[in-house]
Structure formats: structure tokens, C-alpha cells
């Protein structure tokens, strides 16, 4: 029992560190001008991520907020639509076949999609459940520990994680909560990348359903 408790503590500490590291890297990601996805890109995104059980629109909203759905978006130490850092990519096996983390940001949407699926599957394992809405999934991206514990508050001042994401605390409350994440997602939903790509995904899904019915 002592060993199991120790392992559990290590997992929780790891979740905290992963969340802090990911958020510190992701803020300030610079997308290039949005380019419409090809239907091949969009279909590959659907094929790889739909089976994970998270509503595809929830994933799309979060990545729209993170990178404006630009596979080449980068903060300098985080890359791609999900803004993956080196430790995230290492965790899903990227370095077994690639030499640099920055190479992730050189992939197309279709090429990133299988790796995105691995990242999301890893997040699901860390938090212990499958998010069913965009806020829950975004919380998992920010802090696996907060998602795992279903906490309303994600980060509090004066932590490093809060300082890295201070801009999300629009009311200057001294903490970032799920309402702040919901506001960020709402902003993403009115942007061209989300509006255009969500329509494209719905069209492809309808076409596939019609072809198989």
C-alpha cells in the first residue's frame, strides 16, 4: 500500500509539472496567416481524433484557441496545433523517429493528426476520464491535475503558471478558472479558423454518413 501511495503521489506531482510546463510554453504562440485546410487534412483529423470519444468540436475549439488551427504555430519552444513542447512529444514517442521537436511544426495537419491523437490519448489517461465538452478538455490542456480533480480554479496567483497566463484572468481576480477558459473558447468560436473548419468537418461527416447509408 505504501508503494502504491508513493506512485500515486508521483503521478499527481507529474500532472502538476506537465500542466505548468505546457502552459508556460504555449502562451504567446504565433500562428501564421490561416490557411484553409484541404479536405484530406480535415478528413485525417476526423479519422484520427474522433475514435477517442471527445466531441470533435470540443477538440477543434481548444486548438482554435491555442493555435488558430495553424499546424505551423510556434512560441519558440512549443509547436503545432496543440502547442506541444519537448516533454509532451517525448511522451508520445516522437523522438524515436525524429531528431528535433521543432520538426513537429513543419508537419501538415494530416501529418500532425496521428500525433495529436497520441497526445490526447495520453491526456485522457492522465486525467482518468474522457472530457465531454470543450471547457473540460481545455482544462486538461492547462492543468491535468485540475481536470483530474474537477477543480473550478485552474491556477492561482502568485504561481508561475498563473503569471504565464495572467492575460486569461480578465477580471484580475488573482486566479484563472473555468469561466476564464470558457471566455477564451468563446473568442475562438467567432474566429475564421474555427468557423471555416467546423463547417468543413460537418460537411465531410455528412458526406461520409450519406455514402455509407
N, C-alpha and C. Protein backbone atom coordinates (compact mmCIF):
# COMPACT_ATOMS: atom_id res chain seq x y z
N UNK A 1 0.84 -1.20 0.00
CA UNK A 1 0.00 0.00 0.00
C UNK A 1 0.87 1.25 0.00
N UNK A 2 2.00 1.23 0.73
CA UNK A 2 2.88 2.39 0.78
C UNK A 2 3.43 2.69 -0.59
N UNK A 3 3.82 1.64 -1.30
CA UNK A 3 4.38 1.84 -2.64
C UNK A 3 3.32 2.41 -3.57
N UNK A 4 2.09 1.91 -3.47
CA UNK A 4 1.02 2.41 -4.33
C UNK A 4 0.75 3.88 -4.05
N UNK A 5 0.75 4.28 -2.76
CA UNK A 5 0.53 5.68 -2.40
C UNK A 5 1.65 6.55 -2.94
N UNK A 6 2.88 6.05 -2.86
CA UNK A 6 4.01 6.80 -3.38
C UNK A 6 3.88 7.00 -4.87
N UNK A 7 3.47 5.95 -5.58
CA UNK A 7 3.28 6.06 -7.02
C UNK A 7 2.18 7.05 -7.34
N UNK A 8 1.12 7.03 -6.55
CA UNK A 8 0.02 7.96 -6.79
C UNK A 8 0.46 9.39 -6.62
N UNK A 9 1.28 9.64 -5.58
CA UNK A 9 1.78 10.98 -5.35
C UNK A 9 2.67 11.42 -6.50
N UNK A 10 3.48 10.51 -7.01
CA UNK A 10 4.36 10.84 -8.13
C UNK A 10 3.55 11.22 -9.36
N UNK A 11 2.44 10.50 -9.56
CA UNK A 11 1.59 10.81 -10.72
C UNK A 11 1.00 12.20 -10.59
N UNK A 12 0.49 12.51 -9.38
CA UNK A 12 -0.12 13.83 -9.16
C UNK A 12 0.92 14.94 -9.35
N UNK A 13 2.12 14.76 -8.78
CA UNK A 13 3.16 15.76 -8.95
C UNK A 13 3.51 15.91 -10.42
N UNK A 14 3.56 14.78 -11.12
CA UNK A 14 3.85 14.82 -12.55
C UNK A 14 2.80 15.58 -13.32
N UNK A 15 1.54 15.40 -12.94
CA UNK A 15 0.45 16.11 -13.60
C UNK A 15 0.60 17.61 -13.42
N UNK A 16 0.97 18.02 -12.22
CA UNK A 16 1.15 19.46 -11.96
C UNK A 16 2.26 20.01 -12.83
N UNK A 17 3.40 19.31 -12.86
CA UNK A 17 4.54 19.79 -13.62
C UNK A 17 4.25 19.82 -15.11
N UNK A 18 3.55 18.82 -15.62
CA UNK A 18 3.19 18.80 -17.04
C UNK A 18 2.32 19.99 -17.37
N UNK A 19 1.32 20.25 -16.51
CA UNK A 19 0.42 21.36 -16.77
C UNK A 19 1.15 22.69 -16.77
N UNK A 20 2.03 22.91 -15.79
CA UNK A 20 2.77 24.16 -15.71
C UNK A 20 3.69 24.32 -16.92
N UNK A 21 4.39 23.25 -17.25
CA UNK A 21 5.32 23.35 -18.38
C UNK A 21 4.59 23.63 -19.68
N UNK A 22 3.48 22.93 -19.90
CA UNK A 22 2.74 23.12 -21.14
C UNK A 22 2.21 24.53 -21.23
N UNK A 23 1.65 25.07 -20.14
CA UNK A 23 1.07 26.40 -20.22
C UNK A 23 2.16 27.46 -20.38
N UNK A 24 3.29 27.27 -19.71
CA UNK A 24 4.35 28.24 -19.84
C UNK A 24 4.85 28.32 -21.27
N UNK A 25 4.87 27.19 -21.97
CA UNK A 25 5.35 27.19 -23.34
C UNK A 25 4.30 27.71 -24.31
N UNK A 26 3.05 27.43 -24.04
CA UNK A 26 2.03 27.70 -25.03
C UNK A 26 1.64 29.16 -25.15
N UNK A 27 1.70 29.91 -24.06
CA UNK A 27 1.30 31.30 -24.17
C UNK A 27 2.23 32.01 -25.13
N UNK A 28 1.66 32.81 -26.02
CA UNK A 28 2.47 33.56 -26.96
C UNK A 28 2.74 32.82 -28.25
N UNK A 29 2.03 31.73 -28.50
CA UNK A 29 2.20 31.03 -29.77
C UNK A 29 1.83 31.96 -30.91
N UNK A 30 2.63 31.94 -31.95
CA UNK A 30 2.40 32.84 -33.07
C UNK A 30 1.95 32.06 -34.31
N UNK A 31 0.64 32.08 -34.61
CA UNK A 31 0.18 31.42 -35.82
C UNK A 31 0.54 32.25 -37.04
N UNK A 32 0.75 31.59 -38.16
CA UNK A 32 0.90 32.30 -39.41
C UNK A 32 -0.50 32.63 -39.91
N UNK A 33 -0.62 33.29 -41.05
CA UNK A 33 -1.94 33.59 -41.61
C UNK A 33 -2.68 32.27 -41.83
N UNK A 34 -3.95 32.22 -41.40
CA UNK A 34 -4.70 30.98 -41.50
C UNK A 34 -4.84 30.54 -42.95
N UNK A 35 -4.57 29.27 -43.18
CA UNK A 35 -4.75 28.68 -44.50
C UNK A 35 -5.82 27.60 -44.40
N UNK A 36 -6.77 27.66 -45.30
CA UNK A 36 -7.86 26.68 -45.30
C UNK A 36 -7.30 25.27 -45.38
N UNK A 37 -7.82 24.40 -44.53
CA UNK A 37 -7.39 23.01 -44.58
C UNK A 37 -7.87 22.36 -45.87
N UNK A 38 -7.06 21.46 -46.39
CA UNK A 38 -7.54 20.64 -47.50
C UNK A 38 -8.54 19.63 -46.94
N UNK A 39 -9.38 19.08 -47.81
CA UNK A 39 -10.31 18.06 -47.34
C UNK A 39 -9.56 16.83 -46.82
N UNK A 40 -8.39 16.56 -47.39
CA UNK A 40 -7.58 15.43 -46.91
C UNK A 40 -7.11 15.69 -45.49
N UNK A 41 -6.66 16.92 -45.22
CA UNK A 41 -6.25 17.28 -43.87
C UNK A 41 -7.42 17.12 -42.90
N UNK A 42 -8.56 17.68 -43.27
CA UNK A 42 -9.73 17.65 -42.40
C UNK A 42 -10.21 16.23 -42.14
N UNK A 43 -10.20 15.38 -43.17
CA UNK A 43 -10.65 14.01 -43.00
C UNK A 43 -9.70 13.22 -42.11
N UNK A 44 -8.40 13.48 -42.27
CA UNK A 44 -7.43 12.79 -41.42
C UNK A 44 -7.60 13.22 -39.96
N UNK A 45 -7.87 14.49 -39.73
CA UNK A 45 -8.14 14.99 -38.39
C UNK A 45 -9.33 14.25 -37.79
N UNK A 46 -10.41 14.12 -38.57
CA UNK A 46 -11.59 13.40 -38.11
C UNK A 46 -11.28 11.93 -37.83
N UNK A 47 -10.59 11.29 -38.76
CA UNK A 47 -10.32 9.86 -38.64
C UNK A 47 -9.48 9.53 -37.41
N UNK A 48 -8.51 10.39 -37.11
CA UNK A 48 -7.59 10.11 -36.00
C UNK A 48 -8.17 10.48 -34.63
N UNK A 49 -8.93 11.56 -34.56
CA UNK A 49 -9.36 12.08 -33.26
C UNK A 49 -10.76 11.68 -32.85
N UNK A 50 -11.63 11.41 -33.79
CA UNK A 50 -13.00 11.03 -33.44
C UNK A 50 -13.06 9.78 -32.56
N UNK A 51 -12.27 8.73 -32.85
CA UNK A 51 -12.38 7.50 -32.04
C UNK A 51 -12.04 7.67 -30.57
N UNK A 52 -11.42 8.77 -30.17
CA UNK A 52 -11.02 8.94 -28.78
C UNK A 52 -12.19 9.25 -27.86
N UNK A 53 -13.32 9.65 -28.43
CA UNK A 53 -14.53 9.84 -27.62
C UNK A 53 -14.81 11.26 -27.19
N UNK A 54 -13.85 12.17 -27.34
CA UNK A 54 -14.10 13.58 -27.06
C UNK A 54 -14.84 14.17 -28.26
N UNK A 55 -15.89 14.95 -28.04
CA UNK A 55 -16.58 15.56 -29.19
C UNK A 55 -15.58 16.31 -30.07
N UNK A 56 -15.61 16.04 -31.36
CA UNK A 56 -14.61 16.63 -32.25
C UNK A 56 -14.67 18.14 -32.22
N UNK A 57 -15.86 18.71 -32.01
CA UNK A 57 -15.97 20.16 -31.96
C UNK A 57 -15.28 20.72 -30.73
N UNK A 58 -15.27 19.97 -29.63
CA UNK A 58 -14.57 20.41 -28.43
C UNK A 58 -13.07 20.49 -28.68
N UNK A 59 -12.54 19.49 -29.35
CA UNK A 59 -11.11 19.49 -29.69
C UNK A 59 -10.80 20.66 -30.62
N UNK A 60 -11.67 20.88 -31.59
CA UNK A 60 -11.46 21.96 -32.56
C UNK A 60 -11.46 23.32 -31.85
N UNK A 61 -12.37 23.53 -30.92
CA UNK A 61 -12.42 24.80 -30.19
C UNK A 61 -11.12 25.04 -29.43
N UNK A 62 -10.64 24.03 -28.74
CA UNK A 62 -9.43 24.19 -27.93
C UNK A 62 -8.22 24.49 -28.82
N UNK A 63 -8.08 23.77 -29.91
CA UNK A 63 -6.94 24.02 -30.79
C UNK A 63 -7.08 25.36 -31.52
N UNK A 64 -8.31 25.79 -31.75
CA UNK A 64 -8.51 27.13 -32.33
C UNK A 64 -8.04 28.20 -31.34
N UNK A 65 -8.33 27.98 -30.06
CA UNK A 65 -7.89 28.92 -29.03
C UNK A 65 -6.38 28.89 -28.86
N UNK A 66 -5.78 27.71 -28.99
CA UNK A 66 -4.35 27.55 -28.77
C UNK A 66 -3.49 28.05 -29.93
N UNK A 67 -3.91 27.76 -31.14
CA UNK A 67 -3.03 27.99 -32.29
C UNK A 67 -3.72 28.55 -33.51
N UNK A 68 -5.01 28.90 -33.41
CA UNK A 68 -5.79 29.32 -34.57
C UNK A 68 -5.79 28.23 -35.65
N UNK A 69 -5.68 26.97 -35.20
CA UNK A 69 -5.70 25.80 -36.08
C UNK A 69 -4.59 25.83 -37.13
N UNK A 70 -3.48 26.46 -36.76
CA UNK A 70 -2.33 26.54 -37.65
C UNK A 70 -1.30 25.50 -37.24
N UNK A 71 -1.03 24.50 -38.08
CA UNK A 71 -0.06 23.47 -37.70
C UNK A 71 1.35 24.01 -37.55
N UNK A 72 1.62 25.19 -38.10
CA UNK A 72 2.95 25.78 -38.03
C UNK A 72 3.08 26.81 -36.89
N UNK A 73 2.04 26.96 -36.10
CA UNK A 73 2.10 27.92 -34.98
C UNK A 73 3.21 27.54 -34.02
N UNK A 74 3.91 28.54 -33.49
CA UNK A 74 5.02 28.26 -32.57
C UNK A 74 5.24 29.42 -31.62
N UNK A 75 5.59 29.07 -30.38
CA UNK A 75 6.01 30.08 -29.40
C UNK A 75 7.52 30.09 -29.29
N UNK A 76 8.18 29.26 -30.06
CA UNK A 76 9.63 29.12 -29.98
C UNK A 76 10.05 27.87 -29.23
N UNK A 77 9.23 27.45 -28.26
CA UNK A 77 9.53 26.21 -27.53
C UNK A 77 8.32 25.28 -27.51
N UNK A 78 7.29 25.61 -28.29
CA UNK A 78 6.11 24.77 -28.42
C UNK A 78 5.62 24.89 -29.85
N UNK A 79 5.10 23.77 -30.37
CA UNK A 79 4.83 23.73 -31.80
C UNK A 79 3.49 23.06 -32.13
N UNK A 80 2.96 23.45 -33.26
CA UNK A 80 1.79 22.78 -33.82
C UNK A 80 0.46 23.24 -33.26
N UNK A 81 -0.59 22.59 -33.72
CA UNK A 81 -1.94 22.98 -33.32
C UNK A 81 -2.17 22.83 -31.83
N UNK A 82 -1.57 21.82 -31.23
CA UNK A 82 -1.76 21.60 -29.79
C UNK A 82 -0.68 22.27 -28.97
N UNK A 83 0.28 22.96 -29.64
CA UNK A 83 1.39 23.61 -28.97
C UNK A 83 2.13 22.65 -28.05
N UNK A 84 2.67 21.60 -28.66
CA UNK A 84 3.39 20.58 -27.92
C UNK A 84 4.81 21.03 -27.61
N UNK A 85 5.26 20.76 -26.38
CA UNK A 85 6.64 21.02 -26.00
C UNK A 85 7.41 19.70 -26.06
N UNK A 86 8.71 19.78 -25.84
CA UNK A 86 9.57 18.60 -26.00
C UNK A 86 9.13 17.44 -25.11
N UNK A 87 8.78 17.72 -23.85
CA UNK A 87 8.41 16.63 -22.95
C UNK A 87 7.11 15.96 -23.40
N UNK A 88 6.19 16.74 -23.94
CA UNK A 88 4.95 16.17 -24.45
C UNK A 88 5.23 15.24 -25.63
N UNK A 89 6.05 15.72 -26.57
CA UNK A 89 6.39 14.91 -27.74
C UNK A 89 7.19 13.66 -27.33
N UNK A 90 8.07 13.83 -26.36
CA UNK A 90 8.83 12.66 -25.88
C UNK A 90 7.89 11.61 -25.32
N UNK A 91 6.85 12.05 -24.62
CA UNK A 91 5.91 11.13 -24.00
C UNK A 91 5.11 10.30 -24.99
N UNK A 92 4.98 10.80 -26.23
CA UNK A 92 4.21 10.05 -27.23
C UNK A 92 5.11 9.41 -28.28
N UNK A 93 6.42 9.39 -28.03
CA UNK A 93 7.33 8.65 -28.90
C UNK A 93 7.89 9.40 -30.09
N UNK A 94 7.76 10.72 -30.11
CA UNK A 94 8.23 11.49 -31.26
C UNK A 94 9.71 11.29 -31.54
N UNK A 95 10.53 11.26 -30.49
CA UNK A 95 11.98 11.26 -30.68
C UNK A 95 12.53 9.89 -31.08
N UNK A 96 11.68 8.89 -31.15
CA UNK A 96 12.17 7.59 -31.63
C UNK A 96 12.38 7.62 -33.14
N UNK A 97 11.73 8.55 -33.83
CA UNK A 97 11.89 8.61 -35.28
C UNK A 97 12.20 10.01 -35.78
N UNK A 98 12.31 11.00 -34.88
CA UNK A 98 12.60 12.37 -35.27
C UNK A 98 13.68 12.94 -34.36
N UNK A 99 14.45 13.89 -34.88
CA UNK A 99 15.57 14.42 -34.13
C UNK A 99 15.26 15.71 -33.38
N UNK A 100 14.33 16.49 -33.88
CA UNK A 100 14.05 17.79 -33.27
C UNK A 100 12.56 17.96 -32.98
N UNK A 101 12.27 18.58 -31.84
CA UNK A 101 10.87 18.87 -31.52
C UNK A 101 10.30 19.87 -32.51
N UNK A 102 11.13 20.80 -32.97
CA UNK A 102 10.66 21.83 -33.89
C UNK A 102 10.16 21.25 -35.21
N UNK A 103 10.59 20.03 -35.53
CA UNK A 103 10.13 19.40 -36.77
C UNK A 103 8.63 19.12 -36.73
N UNK A 104 8.08 19.04 -35.52
CA UNK A 104 6.64 18.82 -35.39
C UNK A 104 5.87 19.96 -36.05
N UNK A 105 6.41 21.17 -35.92
CA UNK A 105 5.76 22.34 -36.51
C UNK A 105 5.93 22.47 -38.00
N UNK A 106 6.63 21.53 -38.60
CA UNK A 106 6.80 21.53 -40.05
C UNK A 106 5.82 20.59 -40.74
N UNK A 107 5.05 19.86 -39.94
CA UNK A 107 4.11 18.89 -40.50
C UNK A 107 2.81 19.56 -40.95
N UNK A 108 2.15 18.92 -41.88
CA UNK A 108 0.82 19.36 -42.29
C UNK A 108 -0.20 18.92 -41.25
N UNK A 109 -1.43 19.39 -41.38
CA UNK A 109 -2.49 18.94 -40.48
C UNK A 109 -2.62 17.43 -40.52
N UNK A 110 -2.63 16.87 -41.72
CA UNK A 110 -2.79 15.41 -41.86
C UNK A 110 -1.64 14.67 -41.20
N UNK A 111 -0.44 15.20 -41.30
CA UNK A 111 0.72 14.55 -40.70
C UNK A 111 0.74 14.70 -39.18
N UNK A 112 0.22 15.81 -38.68
CA UNK A 112 0.17 16.01 -37.23
C UNK A 112 -0.94 15.18 -36.58
N UNK A 113 -2.01 14.91 -37.33
CA UNK A 113 -3.19 14.29 -36.74
C UNK A 113 -2.91 13.02 -35.94
N UNK A 114 -2.11 12.06 -36.43
CA UNK A 114 -1.85 10.86 -35.62
C UNK A 114 -1.13 11.19 -34.31
N UNK A 115 -0.26 12.18 -34.33
CA UNK A 115 0.45 12.58 -33.12
C UNK A 115 -0.49 13.32 -32.17
N UNK A 116 -1.39 14.12 -32.72
CA UNK A 116 -2.40 14.78 -31.88
C UNK A 116 -3.23 13.73 -31.15
N UNK A 117 -3.58 12.68 -31.86
CA UNK A 117 -4.36 11.60 -31.24
C UNK A 117 -3.59 10.96 -30.09
N UNK A 118 -2.29 10.79 -30.27
CA UNK A 118 -1.47 10.22 -29.20
C UNK A 118 -1.40 11.16 -28.00
N UNK A 119 -1.27 12.46 -28.26
CA UNK A 119 -1.23 13.44 -27.18
C UNK A 119 -2.54 13.43 -26.40
N UNK A 120 -3.65 13.44 -27.14
CA UNK A 120 -4.97 13.45 -26.48
C UNK A 120 -5.19 12.16 -25.69
N UNK A 121 -4.82 11.02 -26.27
CA UNK A 121 -4.96 9.75 -25.56
C UNK A 121 -4.16 9.76 -24.27
N UNK A 122 -2.97 10.37 -24.31
CA UNK A 122 -2.14 10.48 -23.11
C UNK A 122 -2.82 11.37 -22.07
N UNK A 123 -3.42 12.45 -22.51
CA UNK A 123 -4.13 13.34 -21.59
C UNK A 123 -5.30 12.63 -20.93
N UNK A 124 -6.02 11.84 -21.70
CA UNK A 124 -7.15 11.08 -21.15
C UNK A 124 -6.67 10.12 -20.07
N UNK A 125 -5.55 9.46 -20.33
CA UNK A 125 -5.01 8.55 -19.32
C UNK A 125 -4.60 9.30 -18.05
N UNK A 126 -4.02 10.48 -18.21
CA UNK A 126 -3.57 11.25 -17.05
C UNK A 126 -4.72 11.72 -16.18
N UNK A 127 -5.81 12.18 -16.81
CA UNK A 127 -6.90 12.74 -16.00
C UNK A 127 -7.91 11.68 -15.57
N UNK A 128 -7.90 10.53 -16.22
CA UNK A 128 -8.74 9.42 -15.79
C UNK A 128 -10.15 9.41 -16.31
N UNK A 129 -10.47 10.27 -17.26
CA UNK A 129 -11.80 10.25 -17.87
C UNK A 129 -11.74 10.93 -19.24
N UNK A 130 -12.79 10.72 -20.03
CA UNK A 130 -12.86 11.32 -21.36
C UNK A 130 -13.66 12.62 -21.29
N UNK A 131 -13.04 13.77 -21.53
CA UNK A 131 -13.77 15.04 -21.49
C UNK A 131 -14.92 15.04 -22.51
N UNK A 132 -16.05 15.60 -22.11
CA UNK A 132 -17.21 15.61 -22.98
C UNK A 132 -17.58 17.01 -23.47
N UNK A 133 -16.79 18.01 -23.08
CA UNK A 133 -17.04 19.36 -23.57
C UNK A 133 -15.72 20.10 -23.68
N UNK A 134 -15.75 21.26 -24.34
CA UNK A 134 -14.52 21.99 -24.63
C UNK A 134 -13.85 22.52 -23.37
N UNK A 135 -14.63 22.96 -22.38
CA UNK A 135 -14.03 23.50 -21.16
C UNK A 135 -13.27 22.41 -20.41
N UNK A 136 -13.85 21.22 -20.30
CA UNK A 136 -13.15 20.12 -19.63
C UNK A 136 -11.87 19.75 -20.38
N UNK A 137 -11.94 19.73 -21.70
CA UNK A 137 -10.75 19.38 -22.48
C UNK A 137 -9.69 20.48 -22.38
N UNK A 138 -10.12 21.72 -22.38
CA UNK A 138 -9.17 22.83 -22.26
C UNK A 138 -8.52 22.81 -20.87
N UNK A 139 -9.30 22.48 -19.86
CA UNK A 139 -8.75 22.36 -18.51
C UNK A 139 -7.66 21.30 -18.47
N UNK A 140 -7.90 20.19 -19.15
CA UNK A 140 -6.89 19.13 -19.21
C UNK A 140 -5.62 19.60 -19.89
N UNK A 141 -5.77 20.48 -20.90
CA UNK A 141 -4.61 21.04 -21.57
C UNK A 141 -3.83 21.97 -20.65
N UNK A 142 -4.55 22.74 -19.85
CA UNK A 142 -3.90 23.67 -18.93
C UNK A 142 -3.31 22.96 -17.72
N UNK A 143 -4.12 22.18 -17.05
CA UNK A 143 -3.67 21.52 -15.82
C UNK A 143 -4.33 20.16 -15.69
N UNK A 144 -3.61 19.09 -16.02
CA UNK A 144 -4.18 17.76 -15.83
C UNK A 144 -4.65 17.52 -14.40
N UNK A 145 -3.94 18.12 -13.43
CA UNK A 145 -4.33 17.93 -12.04
C UNK A 145 -5.69 18.56 -11.77
N UNK A 146 -5.91 19.79 -12.26
CA UNK A 146 -7.21 20.45 -12.08
C UNK A 146 -8.31 19.66 -12.77
N UNK A 147 -8.01 19.14 -13.94
CA UNK A 147 -9.01 18.35 -14.67
C UNK A 147 -9.31 17.06 -13.92
N UNK A 148 -8.27 16.42 -13.43
CA UNK A 148 -8.44 15.16 -12.70
C UNK A 148 -9.29 15.35 -11.46
N UNK A 149 -9.09 16.49 -10.78
CA UNK A 149 -9.82 16.76 -9.54
C UNK A 149 -11.12 17.52 -9.77
N UNK A 150 -11.40 17.82 -11.04
CA UNK A 150 -12.60 18.58 -11.42
C UNK A 150 -12.67 19.92 -10.67
N UNK A 151 -11.51 20.56 -10.54
CA UNK A 151 -11.42 21.84 -9.85
C UNK A 151 -11.94 22.96 -10.73
N UNK A 152 -12.58 23.95 -10.11
CA UNK A 152 -13.04 25.12 -10.85
C UNK A 152 -11.88 26.07 -11.11
N UNK A 153 -11.01 26.22 -10.11
CA UNK A 153 -9.84 27.09 -10.26
C UNK A 153 -8.70 26.31 -10.90
N UNK A 154 -8.12 26.88 -11.92
CA UNK A 154 -7.03 26.21 -12.64
C UNK A 154 -5.68 26.60 -12.05
N UNK A 155 -5.43 27.91 -11.95
CA UNK A 155 -4.19 28.42 -11.36
C UNK A 155 -4.50 29.61 -10.47
N UNK A 156 -3.74 29.77 -9.40
CA UNK A 156 -3.87 30.93 -8.53
C UNK A 156 -2.56 31.73 -8.52
N UNK A 157 -2.69 33.04 -8.34
CA UNK A 157 -1.51 33.87 -8.10
C UNK A 157 -0.99 33.52 -6.70
N UNK A 158 0.32 33.60 -6.47
CA UNK A 158 1.34 34.16 -7.36
C UNK A 158 2.15 33.07 -8.05
N UNK A 159 1.55 31.98 -8.42
CA UNK A 159 2.29 30.88 -9.02
C UNK A 159 2.84 31.26 -10.40
N UNK A 160 3.89 30.54 -10.80
CA UNK A 160 4.48 30.77 -12.12
C UNK A 160 3.45 30.49 -13.21
N UNK A 161 2.65 29.44 -13.02
CA UNK A 161 1.66 29.10 -14.03
C UNK A 161 0.63 30.22 -14.20
N UNK A 162 0.23 30.83 -13.07
CA UNK A 162 -0.71 31.95 -13.17
C UNK A 162 -0.07 33.11 -13.91
N UNK A 163 1.17 33.44 -13.57
CA UNK A 163 1.84 34.57 -14.20
C UNK A 163 2.00 34.37 -15.70
N UNK A 164 2.27 33.14 -16.11
CA UNK A 164 2.42 32.85 -17.53
C UNK A 164 1.12 33.04 -18.30
N UNK A 165 0.00 32.95 -17.59
CA UNK A 165 -1.31 33.01 -18.24
C UNK A 165 -2.19 34.13 -17.68
N UNK A 166 -1.55 35.14 -17.09
CA UNK A 166 -2.26 36.23 -16.43
C UNK A 166 -3.31 36.87 -17.34
N UNK A 167 -3.04 36.94 -18.64
CA UNK A 167 -3.97 37.57 -19.57
C UNK A 167 -5.34 36.93 -19.61
N UNK A 168 -5.43 35.67 -19.21
CA UNK A 168 -6.72 35.00 -19.21
C UNK A 168 -7.60 35.46 -18.04
N UNK A 169 -6.98 35.99 -17.00
CA UNK A 169 -7.72 36.48 -15.83
C UNK A 169 -8.18 37.91 -16.12
N UNK A 170 -9.20 38.03 -16.94
CA UNK A 170 -9.62 39.34 -17.43
C UNK A 170 -10.19 40.22 -16.32
N UNK A 171 -10.76 39.62 -15.29
CA UNK A 171 -11.33 40.39 -14.18
C UNK A 171 -10.30 40.67 -13.08
N UNK A 172 -9.06 40.21 -13.29
CA UNK A 172 -7.98 40.41 -12.32
C UNK A 172 -8.38 39.91 -10.93
N UNK A 173 -8.89 38.70 -10.89
CA UNK A 173 -9.36 38.09 -9.65
C UNK A 173 -8.21 37.54 -8.81
N UNK A 174 -7.09 37.27 -9.48
CA UNK A 174 -5.98 36.62 -8.80
C UNK A 174 -5.99 35.12 -9.02
N UNK A 175 -6.86 34.64 -9.87
CA UNK A 175 -6.88 33.22 -10.23
C UNK A 175 -7.53 33.06 -11.60
N UNK A 176 -7.22 31.95 -12.23
CA UNK A 176 -7.79 31.60 -13.53
C UNK A 176 -8.71 30.41 -13.31
N UNK A 177 -9.96 30.55 -13.73
CA UNK A 177 -10.91 29.47 -13.51
C UNK A 177 -11.54 29.03 -14.83
N UNK A 178 -12.46 28.09 -14.71
CA UNK A 178 -13.09 27.55 -15.91
C UNK A 178 -13.86 28.60 -16.70
N UNK A 179 -14.40 29.60 -16.00
CA UNK A 179 -15.11 30.67 -16.70
C UNK A 179 -14.15 31.45 -17.60
N UNK A 180 -12.90 31.61 -17.16
CA UNK A 180 -11.90 32.28 -17.99
C UNK A 180 -11.59 31.45 -19.23
N UNK A 181 -11.49 30.15 -19.05
CA UNK A 181 -11.24 29.28 -20.21
C UNK A 181 -12.43 29.31 -21.16
N UNK A 182 -13.64 29.33 -20.60
CA UNK A 182 -14.84 29.39 -21.44
C UNK A 182 -14.85 30.67 -22.26
N UNK A 183 -14.40 31.78 -21.67
CA UNK A 183 -14.35 33.05 -22.39
C UNK A 183 -13.34 32.98 -23.55
N UNK A 184 -12.20 32.33 -23.31
CA UNK A 184 -11.20 32.17 -24.36
C UNK A 184 -11.75 31.32 -25.50
N UNK A 185 -12.48 30.28 -25.16
CA UNK A 185 -13.09 29.42 -26.18
C UNK A 185 -14.15 30.17 -26.96
N UNK A 186 -14.91 31.02 -26.28
CA UNK A 186 -15.95 31.82 -26.95
C UNK A 186 -15.31 32.75 -27.98
N UNK A 187 -14.17 33.32 -27.64
CA UNK A 187 -13.47 34.18 -28.60
C UNK A 187 -13.00 33.37 -29.80
N UNK A 188 -12.52 32.17 -29.55
CA UNK A 188 -12.06 31.32 -30.65
C UNK A 188 -13.20 30.94 -31.58
N UNK A 189 -14.40 30.76 -31.02
CA UNK A 189 -15.54 30.31 -31.83
C UNK A 189 -16.04 31.35 -32.82
N UNK A 190 -15.64 32.59 -32.66
CA UNK A 190 -16.09 33.61 -33.62
C UNK A 190 -15.00 33.94 -34.63
N UNK A 191 -13.88 33.24 -34.55
CA UNK A 191 -12.78 33.48 -35.48
C UNK A 191 -12.93 32.67 -36.75
N UNK A 192 -12.32 33.16 -37.81
CA UNK A 192 -12.40 32.48 -39.09
C UNK A 192 -11.88 31.04 -39.06
N UNK A 193 -10.74 30.76 -38.40
CA UNK A 193 -10.24 29.39 -38.40
C UNK A 193 -11.27 28.39 -37.89
N UNK A 194 -11.89 28.70 -36.73
CA UNK A 194 -12.88 27.78 -36.19
C UNK A 194 -14.12 27.71 -37.07
N UNK A 195 -14.67 28.84 -37.47
CA UNK A 195 -15.92 28.87 -38.23
C UNK A 195 -15.77 28.11 -39.55
N UNK A 196 -14.69 28.36 -40.23
CA UNK A 196 -14.48 27.72 -41.54
C UNK A 196 -14.22 26.23 -41.40
N UNK A 197 -13.38 25.87 -40.44
CA UNK A 197 -13.00 24.46 -40.30
C UNK A 197 -14.14 23.63 -39.71
N UNK A 198 -14.90 24.18 -38.79
CA UNK A 198 -16.02 23.42 -38.22
C UNK A 198 -17.06 23.13 -39.29
N UNK A 199 -17.28 24.08 -40.18
CA UNK A 199 -18.21 23.85 -41.29
C UNK A 199 -17.69 22.76 -42.21
N UNK A 200 -16.39 22.79 -42.47
CA UNK A 200 -15.76 21.78 -43.32
C UNK A 200 -15.88 20.39 -42.71
N UNK A 201 -15.64 20.28 -41.41
CA UNK A 201 -15.73 18.98 -40.74
C UNK A 201 -17.16 18.45 -40.75
N UNK A 202 -18.12 19.35 -40.54
CA UNK A 202 -19.52 18.92 -40.59
C UNK A 202 -19.89 18.42 -41.98
N UNK A 203 -19.41 19.11 -43.00
CA UNK A 203 -19.70 18.68 -44.38
C UNK A 203 -19.11 17.30 -44.66
N UNK A 204 -17.87 17.11 -44.29
CA UNK A 204 -17.23 15.82 -44.55
C UNK A 204 -17.91 14.69 -43.78
N UNK A 205 -18.31 14.98 -42.55
CA UNK A 205 -19.01 13.96 -41.76
C UNK A 205 -20.35 13.60 -42.39
N UNK A 206 -21.06 14.60 -42.89
CA UNK A 206 -22.36 14.35 -43.53
C UNK A 206 -22.17 13.57 -44.81
N UNK A 207 -21.14 13.90 -45.57
CA UNK A 207 -20.88 13.18 -46.82
C UNK A 207 -20.53 11.73 -46.57
N UNK A 208 -19.74 11.49 -45.54
CA UNK A 208 -19.35 10.12 -45.22
C UNK A 208 -20.57 9.32 -44.74
N UNK A 209 -21.41 9.95 -43.94
CA UNK A 209 -22.61 9.26 -43.46
C UNK A 209 -23.56 8.94 -44.60
N UNK A 210 -23.69 9.88 -45.55
CA UNK A 210 -24.57 9.66 -46.70
C UNK A 210 -24.03 8.53 -47.58
N UNK A 211 -22.71 8.44 -47.70
CA UNK A 211 -22.10 7.42 -48.56
C UNK A 211 -22.24 6.03 -47.98
N UNK A 212 -22.38 5.93 -46.65
CA UNK A 212 -22.47 4.62 -46.02
C UNK A 212 -23.89 4.22 -45.66
N UNK A 213 -24.85 5.12 -45.89
CA UNK A 213 -26.24 4.81 -45.55
C UNK A 213 -26.99 4.23 -46.74
